[in-house]
Every structure is written in C-alpha cells, then in structure tokens.
PDB file of N, CA and C in Angstrom:
ATOM      1  N   MET A   1       0.854  -1.178   0.001  1.00  0.00           N
ATOM      2  CA  MET A   1       0.000   0.001  -0.002  1.00  0.00           C
ATOM      3  C   MET A   1       0.895   1.233  -0.002  1.00  0.00           C
ATOM      4  N   SER A   2       0.584   2.208  -0.842  1.00  0.00           N
ATOM      5  CA  SER A   2       1.410   3.408  -0.924  1.00  0.00           C
ATOM      6  C   SER A   2       0.949   4.455   0.091  1.00  0.00           C
ATOM      7  N   ASP A   3       1.890   5.321   0.476  1.00  0.00           N
ATOM      8  CA  ASP A   3       1.581   6.400   1.417  1.00  0.00           C
ATOM      9  C   ASP A   3       0.739   7.471   0.737  1.00  0.00           C
ATOM     10  N   SER A   4      -0.134   8.097   1.517  1.00  0.00           N
ATOM     11  CA  SER A   4      -0.884   9.240   0.999  1.00  0.00           C
ATOM     12  C   SER A   4       0.056  10.436   0.916  1.00  0.00           C
ATOM     13  N   GLY A   5      -0.381  11.477   0.228  1.00  0.00           N
ATOM     14  CA  GLY A   5       0.430  12.687   0.133  1.00  0.00           C
ATOM     15  C   GLY A   5       0.736  13.268   1.494  1.00  0.00           C
ATOM     16  N   ALA A   6      -0.264  13.252   2.389  1.00  0.00           N
ATOM     17  CA  ALA A   6      -0.067  13.795   3.736  1.00  0.00           C
ATOM     18  C   ALA A   6       0.978  12.983   4.500  1.00  0.00           C
ATOM     19  N   GLU A   7       0.932  11.665   4.348  1.00  0.00           N
ATOM     20  CA  GLU A   7       1.911  10.818   5.051  1.00  0.00           C
ATOM     21  C   GLU A   7       3.319  11.066   4.528  1.00  0.00           C
ATOM     22  N   LYS A   8       3.453  11.208   3.215  1.00  0.00           N
ATOM     23  CA  LYS A   8       4.770  11.495   2.636  1.00  0.00           C
ATOM     24  C   LYS A   8       5.285  12.846   3.130  1.00  0.00           C
ATOM     25  N   PHE A   9       4.397  13.821   3.156  1.00  0.00           N
ATOM     26  CA  PHE A   9       4.776  15.153   3.612  1.00  0.00           C
ATOM     27  C   PHE A   9       5.231  15.102   5.065  1.00  0.00           C
ATOM     28  N   GLU A  10       4.490  14.365   5.901  1.00  0.00           N
ATOM     29  CA  GLU A  10       4.853  14.270   7.320  1.00  0.00           C
ATOM     30  C   GLU A  10       6.192  13.579   7.493  1.00  0.00           C
ATOM     31  N   LYS A  11       6.473  12.576   6.664  1.00  0.00           N
ATOM     32  CA  LYS A  11       7.778  11.903   6.745  1.00  0.00           C
ATOM     33  C   LYS A  11       8.904  12.868   6.401  1.00  0.00           C
ATOM     34  N   LEU A  12       8.667  13.750   5.432  1.00  0.00           N
ATOM     35  CA  LEU A  12       9.701  14.706   5.028  1.00  0.00           C
ATOM     36  C   LEU A  12       9.865  15.847   6.023  1.00  0.00           C
ATOM     37  N   PHE A  13       8.746  16.398   6.496  1.00  0.00           N
ATOM     38  CA  PHE A  13       8.800  17.630   7.268  1.00  0.00           C
ATOM     39  C   PHE A  13       8.367  17.496   8.720  1.00  0.00           C
ATOM     40  N   GLY A  14       7.938  16.322   9.130  1.00  0.00           N
ATOM     41  CA  GLY A  14       7.470  16.150  10.498  1.00  0.00           C
ATOM     42  C   GLY A  14       6.006  16.520  10.597  1.00  0.00           C
ATOM     43  N   PRO A  15       5.414  16.226  11.751  1.00  0.00           N
ATOM     44  CA  PRO A  15       3.992  16.506  11.915  1.00  0.00           C
ATOM     45  C   PRO A  15       3.709  18.001  11.887  1.00  0.00           C
ATOM     46  N   GLU A  16       2.809  18.400  11.012  1.00  0.00           N
ATOM     47  CA  GLU A  16       2.389  19.800  10.902  1.00  0.00           C
ATOM     48  C   GLU A  16       3.576  20.744  10.855  1.00  0.00           C
ATOM     49  N   PHE A  17       4.470  20.532   9.906  1.00  0.00           N
ATOM     50  CA  PHE A  17       5.629  21.382   9.664  1.00  0.00           C
ATOM     51  C   PHE A  17       6.604  21.380  10.855  1.00  0.00           C
ATOM     52  N   GLY A  18       6.606  20.344  11.629  1.00  0.00           N
ATOM     53  CA  GLY A  18       7.636  20.173  12.631  1.00  0.00           C
ATOM     54  C   GLY A  18       7.345  20.721  14.006  1.00  0.00           C
ATOM     55  N   HIS A  19       6.251  21.411  14.250  1.00  0.00           N
ATOM     56  CA  HIS A  19       6.034  21.926  15.594  1.00  0.00           C
ATOM     57  C   HIS A  19       5.292  20.917  16.463  1.00  0.00           C
ATOM     58  N   GLY A  20       4.849  19.804  15.899  1.00  0.00           N
ATOM     59  CA  GLY A  20       4.279  18.719  16.669  1.00  0.00           C
ATOM     60  C   GLY A  20       2.877  18.950  17.194  1.00  0.00           C
ATOM     61  N   LYS A  21       2.236  20.029  16.800  1.00  0.00           N
ATOM     62  CA  LYS A  21       0.879  20.314  17.262  1.00  0.00           C
ATOM     63  C   LYS A  21      -0.085  20.137  16.102  1.00  0.00           C
ATOM     64  N   PRO A  22      -1.306  19.717  16.382  1.00  0.00           N
ATOM     65  CA  PRO A  22      -2.271  19.607  15.288  1.00  0.00           C
ATOM     66  C   PRO A  22      -2.584  20.978  14.712  1.00  0.00           C
ATOM     67  N   PHE A  23      -2.818  21.014  13.417  1.00  0.00           N
ATOM     68  CA  PHE A  23      -3.113  22.268  12.738  1.00  0.00           C
ATOM     69  C   PHE A  23      -4.484  22.758  13.160  1.00  0.00           C
ATOM     70  N   ASP A  24      -4.542  23.952  13.732  1.00  0.00           N
ATOM     71  CA  ASP A  24      -5.802  24.491  14.230  1.00  0.00           C
ATOM     72  C   ASP A  24      -5.813  25.998  14.027  1.00  0.00           C
ATOM     73  N   LEU A  25      -6.862  26.491  13.408  1.00  0.00           N
ATOM     74  CA  LEU A  25      -6.987  27.926  13.170  1.00  0.00           C
ATOM     75  C   LEU A  25      -7.791  28.638  14.253  1.00  0.00           C
ATOM     76  N   GLY A  26      -8.128  27.943  15.314  1.00  0.00           N
ATOM     77  CA  GLY A  26      -8.948  28.513  16.376  1.00  0.00           C
ATOM     78  C   GLY A  26      -8.382  29.789  16.967  1.00  0.00           C
ATOM     79  N   ARG A  27      -7.098  29.792  17.286  1.00  0.00           N
ATOM     80  CA  ARG A  27      -6.487  30.997  17.886  1.00  0.00           C
ATOM     81  C   ARG A  27      -6.471  32.151  16.891  1.00  0.00           C
ATOM     82  N   LEU A  28      -6.209  31.839  15.631  1.00  0.00           N
ATOM     83  CA  LEU A  28      -6.220  32.887  14.613  1.00  0.00           C
ATOM     84  C   LEU A  28      -7.630  33.463  14.457  1.00  0.00           C
ATOM     85  N   ARG A  29      -8.637  32.618  14.443  1.00  0.00           N
ATOM     86  CA  ARG A  29     -10.022  33.098  14.340  1.00  0.00           C
ATOM     87  C   ARG A  29     -10.390  33.972  15.540  1.00  0.00           C
ATOM     88  N   THR A  30      -9.974  33.566  16.723  1.00  0.00           N
ATOM     89  CA  THR A  30     -10.249  34.348  17.929  1.00  0.00           C
ATOM     90  C   THR A  30      -9.590  35.723  17.845  1.00  0.00           C
ATOM     91  N   ALA A  31      -8.339  35.749  17.389  1.00  0.00           N
ATOM     92  CA  ALA A  31      -7.624  37.021  17.265  1.00  0.00           C
ATOM     93  C   ALA A  31      -8.301  37.920  16.229  1.00  0.00           C
ATOM     94  N   LEU A  32      -8.699  37.343  15.096  1.00  0.00           N
ATOM     95  CA  LEU A  32      -9.370  38.141  14.061  1.00  0.00           C
ATOM     96  C   LEU A  32     -10.699  38.683  14.558  1.00  0.00           C
ATOM     97  N   GLU A  33     -11.445  37.893  15.316  1.00  0.00           N
ATOM     98  CA  GLU A  33     -12.710  38.366  15.884  1.00  0.00           C
ATOM     99  C   GLU A  33     -12.466  39.514  16.859  1.00  0.00           C
ATOM    100  N   ALA A  34     -11.401  39.418  17.671  1.00  0.00           N
ATOM    101  CA  ALA A  34     -11.079  40.478  18.624  1.00  0.00           C
ATOM    102  C   ALA A  34     -10.709  41.780  17.906  1.00  0.00           C
ATOM    103  N   LEU A  35     -10.204  41.649  16.683  1.00  0.00           N
ATOM    104  CA  LEU A  35      -9.839  42.825  15.886  1.00  0.00           C
ATOM    105  C   LEU A  35     -10.998  43.331  15.036  1.00  0.00           C
ATOM    106  N   GLY A  36     -12.163  42.740  15.197  1.00  0.00           N
ATOM    107  CA  GLY A  36     -13.333  43.174  14.438  1.00  0.00           C
ATOM    108  C   GLY A  36     -13.465  42.510  13.076  1.00  0.00           C
ATOM    109  N   SER A  37     -12.860  41.354  12.901  1.00  0.00           N
ATOM    110  CA  SER A  37     -12.905  40.576  11.645  1.00  0.00           C
ATOM    111  C   SER A  37     -12.500  41.411  10.425  1.00  0.00           C
ATOM    112  N   PRO A  38     -11.278  41.974  10.432  1.00  0.00           N
ATOM    113  CA  PRO A  38     -10.855  42.831   9.318  1.00  0.00           C
ATOM    114  C   PRO A  38     -10.803  42.099   7.980  1.00  0.00           C
ATOM    115  N   GLN A  39     -10.638  40.786   8.011  1.00  0.00           N
ATOM    116  CA  GLN A  39     -10.561  40.023   6.764  1.00  0.00           C
ATOM    117  C   GLN A  39     -11.867  40.098   5.977  1.00  0.00           C
ATOM    118  N   LEU A  40     -12.975  40.403   6.650  1.00  0.00           N
ATOM    119  CA  LEU A  40     -14.265  40.511   5.975  1.00  0.00           C
ATOM    120  C   LEU A  40     -14.455  41.872   5.302  1.00  0.00           C
ATOM    121  N   LYS A  41     -13.558  42.799   5.589  1.00  0.00           N
ATOM    122  CA  LYS A  41     -13.668  44.154   5.051  1.00  0.00           C
ATOM    123  C   LYS A  41     -12.702  44.399   3.890  1.00  0.00           C
ATOM    124  N   LEU A  42     -12.009  43.364   3.466  1.00  0.00           N
ATOM    125  CA  LEU A  42     -11.043  43.505   2.376  1.00  0.00           C
ATOM    126  C   LEU A  42     -11.751  43.616   1.028  1.00  0.00           C
ATOM    127  N   PRO A  43     -11.121  44.310   0.083  1.00  0.00           N
ATOM    128  CA  PRO A  43     -11.668  44.329  -1.273  1.00  0.00           C
ATOM    129  C   PRO A  43     -11.476  42.954  -1.916  1.00  0.00           C
ATOM    130  N   PRO A  44     -12.018  42.733  -3.097  1.00  0.00           N
ATOM    131  CA  PRO A  44     -11.804  41.446  -3.770  1.00  0.00           C
ATOM    132  C   PRO A  44     -10.315  41.155  -3.931  1.00  0.00           C
ATOM    133  N   ILE A  45      -9.956  39.898  -3.746  1.00  0.00           N
ATOM    134  CA  ILE A  45      -8.557  39.476  -3.767  1.00  0.00           C
ATOM    135  C   ILE A  45      -8.391  38.318  -4.745  1.00  0.00           C
ATOM    136  N   VAL A  46      -7.269  38.326  -5.458  1.00  0.00           N
ATOM    137  CA  VAL A  46      -6.871  37.203  -6.296  1.00  0.00           C
ATOM    138  C   VAL A  46      -5.587  36.649  -5.694  1.00  0.00           C
ATOM    139  N   HIS A  47      -5.561  35.351  -5.426  1.00  0.00           N
ATOM    140  CA  HIS A  47      -4.410  34.713  -4.800  1.00  0.00           C
ATOM    141  C   HIS A  47      -3.748  33.804  -5.831  1.00  0.00           C
ATOM    142  N   PHE A  48      -2.459  34.006  -6.082  1.00  0.00           N
ATOM    143  CA  PHE A  48      -1.706  33.160  -7.003  1.00  0.00           C
ATOM    144  C   PHE A  48      -0.750  32.301  -6.199  1.00  0.00           C
ATOM    145  N   ALA A  49      -0.723  31.018  -6.476  1.00  0.00           N
ATOM    146  CA  ALA A  49       0.173  30.105  -5.778  1.00  0.00           C
ATOM    147  C   ALA A  49       0.747  29.123  -6.791  1.00  0.00           C
ATOM    148  N   GLY A  50       1.836  28.507  -6.439  1.00  0.00           N
ATOM    149  CA  GLY A  50       2.444  27.523  -7.315  1.00  0.00           C
ATOM    150  C   GLY A  50       3.942  27.716  -7.369  1.00  0.00           C
ATOM    151  N   THR A  51       4.592  26.898  -8.149  1.00  0.00           N
ATOM    152  CA  THR A  51       6.043  26.920  -8.200  1.00  0.00           C
ATOM    153  C   THR A  51       6.583  27.936  -9.191  1.00  0.00           C
ATOM    154  N   ASN A  52       6.039  27.944 -10.383  1.00  0.00           N
ATOM    155  CA  ASN A  52       6.588  28.803 -11.439  1.00  0.00           C
ATOM    156  C   ASN A  52       5.509  29.691 -12.044  1.00  0.00           C
ATOM    157  N   GLY A  53       5.911  30.862 -12.493  1.00  0.00           N
ATOM    158  CA  GLY A  53       5.034  31.717 -13.266  1.00  0.00           C
ATOM    159  C   GLY A  53       4.230  32.738 -12.491  1.00  0.00           C
ATOM    160  N   LYS A  54       4.395  32.802 -11.175  1.00  0.00           N
ATOM    161  CA  LYS A  54       3.602  33.765 -10.388  1.00  0.00           C
ATOM    162  C   LYS A  54       3.934  35.203 -10.756  1.00  0.00           C
ATOM    163  N   GLY A  55       5.198  35.513 -10.898  1.00  0.00           N
ATOM    164  CA  GLY A  55       5.602  36.891 -11.189  1.00  0.00           C
ATOM    165  C   GLY A  55       5.041  37.383 -12.504  1.00  0.00           C
ATOM    166  N   SER A  56       5.167  36.592 -13.548  1.00  0.00           N
ATOM    167  CA  SER A  56       4.662  37.021 -14.847  1.00  0.00           C
ATOM    168  C   SER A  56       3.135  37.038 -14.860  1.00  0.00           C
ATOM    169  N   THR A  57       2.504  36.102 -14.157  1.00  0.00           N
ATOM    170  CA  THR A  57       1.042  36.091 -14.088  1.00  0.00           C
ATOM    171  C   THR A  57       0.535  37.324 -13.353  1.00  0.00           C
ATOM    172  N   ILE A  58       1.193  37.676 -12.255  1.00  0.00           N
ATOM    173  CA  ILE A  58       0.809  38.872 -11.502  1.00  0.00           C
ATOM    174  C   ILE A  58       1.002  40.120 -12.358  1.00  0.00           C
ATOM    175  N   ALA A  59       2.110  40.198 -13.093  1.00  0.00           N
ATOM    176  CA  ALA A  59       2.357  41.348 -13.958  1.00  0.00           C
ATOM    177  C   ALA A  59       1.268  41.463 -15.023  1.00  0.00           C
ATOM    178  N   PHE A  60       0.885  40.355 -15.603  1.00  0.00           N
ATOM    179  CA  PHE A  60      -0.165  40.349 -16.625  1.00  0.00           C
ATOM    180  C   PHE A  60      -1.497  40.806 -16.033  1.00  0.00           C
ATOM    181  N   MET A  61      -1.870  40.238 -14.884  1.00  0.00           N
ATOM    182  CA  MET A  61      -3.141  40.583 -14.241  1.00  0.00           C
ATOM    183  C   MET A  61      -3.132  42.044 -13.775  1.00  0.00           C
ATOM    184  N   ARG A  62      -1.979  42.518 -13.302  1.00  0.00           N
ATOM    185  CA  ARG A  62      -1.869  43.909 -12.873  1.00  0.00           C
ATOM    186  C   ARG A  62      -2.121  44.855 -14.043  1.00  0.00           C
ATOM    187  N   THR A  63      -1.546  44.538 -15.195  1.00  0.00           N
ATOM    188  CA  THR A  63      -1.746  45.366 -16.384  1.00  0.00           C
ATOM    189  C   THR A  63      -3.218  45.389 -16.783  1.00  0.00           C
ATOM    190  N   LEU A  64      -3.864  44.238 -16.749  1.00  0.00           N
ATOM    191  CA  LEU A  64      -5.296  44.188 -17.060  1.00  0.00           C
ATOM    192  C   LEU A  64      -6.105  45.038 -16.084  1.00  0.00           C
ATOM    193  N   ALA A  65      -5.813  44.883 -14.799  1.00  0.00           N
ATOM    194  CA  ALA A  65      -6.561  45.616 -13.771  1.00  0.00           C
ATOM    195  C   ALA A  65      -6.342  47.122 -13.907  1.00  0.00           C
ATOM    196  N   TRP A  66      -5.098  47.531 -14.135  1.00  0.00           N
ATOM    197  CA  TRP A  66      -4.825  48.962 -14.330  1.00  0.00           C
ATOM    198  C   TRP A  66      -5.597  49.497 -15.524  1.00  0.00           C
ATOM    199  N   GLY A  67      -5.655  48.699 -16.590  1.00  0.00           N
ATOM    200  CA  GLY A  67      -6.392  49.103 -17.778  1.00  0.00           C
ATOM    201  C   GLY A  67      -7.876  49.307 -17.500  1.00  0.00           C
ATOM    202  N   MET A  68      -8.376  48.623 -16.463  1.00  0.00           N
ATOM    203  CA  MET A  68      -9.780  48.755 -16.066  1.00  0.00           C
ATOM    204  C   MET A  68      -9.943  49.795 -14.958  1.00  0.00           C
ATOM    205  N   LYS A  69      -8.865  50.542 -14.666  1.00  0.00           N
ATOM    206  CA  LYS A  69      -8.868  51.596 -13.641  1.00  0.00           C
ATOM    207  C   LYS A  69      -9.126  51.048 -12.234  1.00  0.00           C
ATOM    208  N   LEU A  70      -8.659  49.825 -11.982  1.00  0.00           N
ATOM    209  CA  LEU A  70      -8.791  49.222 -10.649  1.00  0.00           C
ATOM    210  C   LEU A  70      -7.527  49.475  -9.851  1.00  0.00           C
ATOM    211  N   LYS A  71      -7.657  49.513  -8.529  1.00  0.00           N
ATOM    212  CA  LYS A  71      -6.495  49.616  -7.657  1.00  0.00           C
ATOM    213  C   LYS A  71      -5.834  48.234  -7.595  1.00  0.00           C
ATOM    214  N   VAL A  72      -4.516  48.235  -7.590  1.00  0.00           N
ATOM    215  CA  VAL A  72      -3.780  46.979  -7.592  1.00  0.00           C
ATOM    216  C   VAL A  72      -2.691  47.039  -6.533  1.00  0.00           C
ATOM    217  N   HIS A  73      -2.635  46.031  -5.699  1.00  0.00           N
ATOM    218  CA  HIS A  73      -1.567  45.862  -4.713  1.00  0.00           C
ATOM    219  C   HIS A  73      -1.099  44.419  -4.814  1.00  0.00           C
ATOM    220  N   SER A  74       0.176  44.180  -4.558  1.00  0.00           N
ATOM    221  CA  SER A  74       0.644  42.789  -4.568  1.00  0.00           C
ATOM    222  C   SER A  74       1.675  42.584  -3.468  1.00  0.00           C
ATOM    223  N   PHE A  75       1.686  41.381  -2.970  1.00  0.00           N
ATOM    224  CA  PHE A  75       2.661  40.951  -1.974  1.00  0.00           C
ATOM    225  C   PHE A  75       3.159  39.598  -2.422  1.00  0.00           C
ATOM    226  N   VAL A  76       4.450  39.447  -2.569  1.00  0.00           N
ATOM    227  CA  VAL A  76       5.018  38.185  -3.030  1.00  0.00           C
ATOM    228  C   VAL A  76       5.978  37.674  -1.971  1.00  0.00           C
ATOM    229  N   LYS A  77       5.754  36.452  -1.546  1.00  0.00           N
ATOM    230  CA  LYS A  77       6.629  35.816  -0.577  1.00  0.00           C
ATOM    231  C   LYS A  77       7.310  34.641  -1.280  1.00  0.00           C
ATOM    232  N   PRO A  78       8.611  34.489  -1.123  1.00  0.00           N
ATOM    233  CA  PRO A  78       9.300  33.454  -1.910  1.00  0.00           C
ATOM    234  C   PRO A  78       8.841  32.022  -1.621  1.00  0.00           C
ATOM    235  N   HIS A  79       8.832  31.595  -0.385  1.00  0.00           N
ATOM    236  CA  HIS A  79       8.412  30.230  -0.087  1.00  0.00           C
ATOM    237  C   HIS A  79       8.182  30.078   1.404  1.00  0.00           C
ATOM    238  N   LEU A  80       7.524  28.998   1.794  1.00  0.00           N
ATOM    239  CA  LEU A  80       7.206  28.758   3.201  1.00  0.00           C
ATOM    240  C   LEU A  80       8.255  27.896   3.887  1.00  0.00           C
ATOM    241  N   PHE A  81       8.877  26.995   3.153  1.00  0.00           N
ATOM    242  CA  PHE A  81       9.870  26.113   3.731  1.00  0.00           C
ATOM    243  C   PHE A  81      10.779  25.641   2.612  1.00  0.00           C
ATOM    244  N   GLU A  82      11.912  25.084   2.965  1.00  0.00           N
ATOM    245  CA  GLU A  82      12.779  24.517   1.937  1.00  0.00           C
ATOM    246  C   GLU A  82      13.191  23.118   2.368  1.00  0.00           C
ATOM    247  N   LEU A  83      13.318  22.251   1.406  1.00  0.00           N
ATOM    248  CA  LEU A  83      13.699  20.875   1.650  1.00  0.00           C
ATOM    249  C   LEU A  83      15.214  20.783   1.673  1.00  0.00           C
ATOM    250  N   ARG A  84      15.734  20.294   2.766  1.00  0.00           N
ATOM    251  CA  ARG A  84      17.185  20.095   2.876  1.00  0.00           C
ATOM    252  C   ARG A  84      17.437  18.624   3.116  1.00  0.00           C
ATOM    253  N   THR A  85      18.285  18.051   2.311  1.00  0.00           N
ATOM    254  CA  THR A  85      18.635  16.644   2.489  1.00  0.00           C
ATOM    255  C   THR A  85      19.977  16.552   3.186  1.00  0.00           C
ATOM    256  N   LEU A  86      20.119  15.563   4.015  1.00  0.00           N
ATOM    257  CA  LEU A  86      21.374  15.375   4.766  1.00  0.00           C
ATOM    258  C   LEU A  86      22.261  14.394   4.045  1.00  0.00           C
TER     259      LEU A  86
END
C-alpha cells in the first residue's frame, strides 16, 4: 500500500511542519474576531500560488486591472519552507 500525500509530507517535514501540534486555526479566528474581523472588510482578492510563473502572471493581471482603472496591490513571498537533504 502506498503512502498518502499527507503521510509522505509528514515523513519529510514532520507533523504539521515540525512543531508537533495539530493544525488548528482557532487561535487565529479568535484574534481576528477580537480585531473586528478585518478580513471581511477587504476588497476582492486574487491569490496566485504555485512553483513557477507567479511573477509574470501577476504582472499580466496587474496590467489588465490597471487598464480597467482598478487599484492593484501585490505581496510576493518566496516560499514557506525549503527541503534540505542530509
């Protein structure tokens, strides 16, 4: 029987990215509620994810949005973790 994707990921990176705690958004939800749920007041958002092509896709979408006289903001983060082999 083959491992599921989650099992393979856990073997590589440890349980829930190595901190050993189950993934739970409860504390984040509580904090957002205490702040008045600002995430509900955001304008429409487009989220791009993946390995390749984000920069050019964002540039293309930004040009389209500007052409439609829309406000455009972007935030690009390189990656969440890196795989290191010993």
